[in-house]
Amino acid sequence: HVYASHIILAFSLNNTLEDQLLSNVTVQLDLSAMRGLALETHVPCASLPFGTPGTAYACLRRVDGVPVGSIPCTLKFVVKDVDPSTGPTDDEPGYDDEYQLEDLEICAADFMK
């Protein structure tokens, strides 16, 4: 969603691993090479069980001109192992993991009405 001073990104998520529960799922955006954009906030997907879709959001603020280029994206999350027959347990602390996503391309046409 593109607005006058902001870009809202909604990332559709799906956990395809039956033996893992993903939590605190965010998409980290590397804006170091993207002039004109700054990360304002993000809203993580709190919990992503197997087979249940979820959404994570990022809000970018336009600070200068018309930003164009590629933004590297990384899915970051906490993994908790799950026994598919009994489900998740609360005593599992989990571990941090990440998955490289395709770059997000932003072009001038994205800002035209």
Foldseek 3Di string as FASTA:
>chain_A
DDDPWKDKDKDKDADADQFKKWAQKEKDKDCVPWPQKDWDDKAGFGIHHHPDMDIIMTMITGDDDFIWDWIWIKIKTFIFTADNVPGGDPVTPGHIDMDTDDIDGDDNVVHDD
